[in-house]
Amino acid sequence: MKIIIDGDASPVKKEVIAEAGLRNINVLLITSTPHFSTKEYPEYVSVSYVDQGPDAADYRIVKLAEKTDIVITQDYGLASLLLPKGVIVMHHKGFEYTNDNIDRMLDSRYMSAMARKSGQRTKGPSAFSNQDRAEFKKKFILLLNEKGY
């Protein structure tokens, strides 16, 4: 079992890495080369860089993720590819993607894209807050406990 973080825009890397360290769980951070960093991570964290191309990180994550893994991403499309593999997928706002909610999320994303394409203005996501961070951490810990880690 490992935790994979879709790393380019994830605001919860620090929280995931800290909690994984307490539980001896390996973490894989997937990020694109423009986000290259010399930052040093604990030995249980590895970083995999991918090309900047569209969806390059998503393809790598889908290839590497296994049934026992947890993936942290805000990408609904990526989540929809991982769920059939039996991967647990969690958003950085703390909710889990499931077979019951993914279709609604994809439909909503599609409708917003069509509205923007037709010239309408749509509301983007709210800024990530300290409350969001605390909620993610609480739900992430509950998930890990529930899975026996």
Protein backbone atom coordinates (compact mmCIF):
# COMPACT_ATOMS: atom_id res chain seq x y z
CA MET A 1 0.00 0.00 0.00
CA LYS A 2 1.20 3.47 -0.84
CA ILE A 3 -0.20 6.96 -1.01
CA ILE A 4 0.15 8.75 -4.33
CA ILE A 5 -0.20 12.52 -4.44
CA ASP A 6 -1.10 14.32 -7.67
CA GLY A 7 1.47 16.86 -6.67
CA ASP A 8 1.49 19.92 -8.92
CA ALA A 9 -1.36 21.71 -7.18
CA SER A 10 -1.93 19.72 -4.02
CA PRO A 11 -2.15 21.95 -0.95
CA VAL A 12 -2.05 18.98 1.47
CA LYS A 13 1.31 17.39 0.67
CA LYS A 14 2.73 18.28 4.07
CA GLU A 15 -0.22 16.78 5.96
CA VAL A 16 -0.20 13.55 3.93
CA ILE A 17 3.56 13.10 4.28
CA ALA A 18 3.46 13.72 8.03
CA GLU A 19 0.60 11.28 8.66
CA ALA A 20 2.13 8.63 6.37
CA GLY A 21 5.38 8.87 8.32
CA LEU A 22 3.60 8.15 11.58
CA ARG A 23 2.16 4.99 10.02
CA ASN A 24 5.17 3.79 7.99
CA ILE A 25 3.35 4.22 4.66
CA ASN A 26 5.31 5.04 1.51
CA VAL A 27 4.35 8.20 -0.36
CA LEU A 28 4.85 8.82 -4.07
CA LEU A 29 4.63 12.42 -5.22
CA ILE A 30 3.96 12.76 -8.96
CA THR A 31 4.74 16.19 -10.35
CA SER A 32 5.66 17.78 -13.67
CA THR A 33 9.18 18.93 -14.50
CA PRO A 34 8.34 22.66 -14.29
CA HIS A 35 7.72 22.02 -10.57
CA PHE A 36 11.17 20.48 -10.09
CA SER A 37 12.51 21.07 -6.60
CA THR A 38 15.64 20.23 -4.66
CA LYS A 39 13.54 19.95 -1.52
CA GLU A 40 14.52 16.94 0.54
CA TYR A 41 11.83 14.59 1.76
CA PRO A 42 11.95 11.78 4.34
CA GLU A 43 13.17 8.43 3.00
CA TYR A 44 9.62 7.04 2.76
CA VAL A 45 8.73 9.74 0.19
CA SER A 46 9.76 9.45 -3.44
CA VAL A 47 9.21 11.99 -6.19
CA SER A 48 8.52 11.08 -9.79
CA TYR A 49 8.76 13.83 -12.39
CA VAL A 50 6.77 13.69 -15.61
CA ASP A 51 6.80 15.83 -18.74
CA GLN A 52 4.73 18.98 -18.73
CA GLY A 53 2.33 17.65 -21.39
CA PRO A 54 -1.41 17.52 -20.81
CA ASP A 55 -2.41 14.72 -18.47
CA ALA A 56 1.16 13.33 -18.18
CA ALA A 57 0.88 13.12 -14.39
CA ASP A 58 -2.55 11.50 -14.68
CA TYR A 59 -1.24 8.78 -17.02
CA ARG A 60 1.65 8.03 -14.67
CA ILE A 61 -0.66 7.84 -11.66
CA VAL A 62 -3.11 5.51 -13.44
CA LYS A 63 -0.19 3.28 -14.46
CA LEU A 64 1.30 3.09 -10.95
CA ALA A 65 -1.80 3.00 -8.74
CA GLU A 66 -2.90 -0.36 -7.40
CA LYS A 67 -6.01 -1.56 -5.62
CA THR A 68 -4.58 -1.09 -2.13
CA ASP A 69 -3.39 2.49 -2.76
CA ILE A 70 -4.79 5.87 -1.81
CA VAL A 71 -4.53 8.70 -4.34
CA ILE A 72 -4.94 12.36 -3.39
CA THR A 73 -6.12 14.50 -6.32
CA GLN A 74 -8.51 17.27 -7.19
CA ASP A 75 -8.90 15.92 -10.74
CA TYR A 76 -12.35 14.37 -11.28
CA GLY A 77 -11.26 12.78 -14.56
CA LEU A 78 -8.30 11.08 -12.92
CA ALA A 79 -10.53 9.88 -10.09
CA SER A 80 -12.93 8.35 -12.64
CA LEU A 81 -10.05 6.33 -14.12
CA LEU A 82 -8.83 5.10 -10.74
CA LEU A 83 -12.12 4.02 -9.18
CA PRO A 84 -12.60 1.00 -11.50
CA LYS A 85 -9.15 -0.22 -10.40
CA GLY A 86 -10.37 -0.28 -6.79
CA VAL A 87 -8.11 2.60 -5.76
CA ILE A 88 -9.26 4.84 -2.91
CA VAL A 89 -9.33 8.40 -4.23
CA MET A 90 -9.60 11.46 -1.99
CA HIS A 91 -9.92 15.17 -2.79
CA HIS A 92 -7.83 17.69 -0.86
CA LYS A 93 -11.05 19.13 0.57
CA GLY A 94 -11.54 15.86 2.43
CA PHE A 95 -14.23 14.05 0.49
CA GLU A 96 -13.76 10.64 -1.08
CA TYR A 97 -14.59 10.04 -4.72
CA THR A 98 -16.91 7.06 -5.05
CA ASN A 99 -18.79 5.21 -7.78
CA ASP A 100 -21.90 6.89 -6.36
CA ASN A 101 -20.69 10.50 -6.73
CA ILE A 102 -18.23 10.54 -9.65
CA ASP A 103 -20.81 10.71 -12.46
CA ARG A 104 -22.50 13.73 -10.86
CA MET A 105 -19.12 15.46 -10.49
CA LEU A 106 -18.13 14.77 -14.09
CA ASP A 107 -21.52 16.00 -15.33
CA SER A 108 -21.18 19.19 -13.31
CA ARG A 109 -17.68 19.78 -14.67
CA TYR A 110 -18.92 19.22 -18.23
CA MET A 111 -21.87 21.61 -17.78
CA SER A 112 -19.57 24.31 -16.39
CA ALA A 113 -17.18 23.86 -19.32
CA MET A 114 -20.05 24.19 -21.81
CA ALA A 115 -21.32 27.31 -20.04
CA ARG A 116 -17.85 28.90 -20.18
CA LYS A 117 -17.53 27.93 -23.85
CA SER A 118 -20.80 29.72 -24.60
CA GLY A 119 -19.52 32.87 -22.92
CA GLN A 120 -21.11 32.52 -19.50
CA ARG A 121 -19.08 33.20 -16.41
CA THR A 122 -18.92 30.39 -13.89
CA LYS A 123 -17.82 30.49 -10.32
CA GLY A 124 -14.48 28.79 -9.64
CA PRO A 125 -13.58 26.89 -6.51
CA SER A 126 -13.21 28.83 -3.30
CA ALA A 127 -9.71 29.43 -1.96
CA PHE A 128 -8.26 26.62 0.14
CA SER A 129 -8.63 27.66 3.78
CA ASN A 130 -7.18 26.56 7.10
CA GLN A 131 -10.59 25.07 7.86
CA ASP A 132 -10.36 23.03 4.62
CA ARG A 133 -6.90 21.84 5.67
CA ALA A 134 -8.15 20.78 9.11
CA GLU A 135 -11.15 19.00 7.57
CA PHE A 136 -8.91 17.13 5.12
CA LYS A 137 -6.56 16.04 7.88
CA LYS A 138 -9.42 14.82 10.07
CA LYS A 139 -11.01 12.82 7.24
CA PHE A 140 -7.66 11.51 6.01
CA ILE A 141 -6.83 10.18 9.48
CA LEU A 142 -10.31 8.59 9.70
CA LEU A 143 -9.77 6.94 6.32
CA LEU A 144 -6.37 5.57 7.33
CA ASN A 145 -7.80 4.27 10.61
CA GLU A 146 -10.75 2.71 8.80
CA LYS A 147 -8.37 0.90 6.44
CA GLY A 148 -6.27 -0.35 9.35
CA TYR A 149 -3.19 1.83 8.88
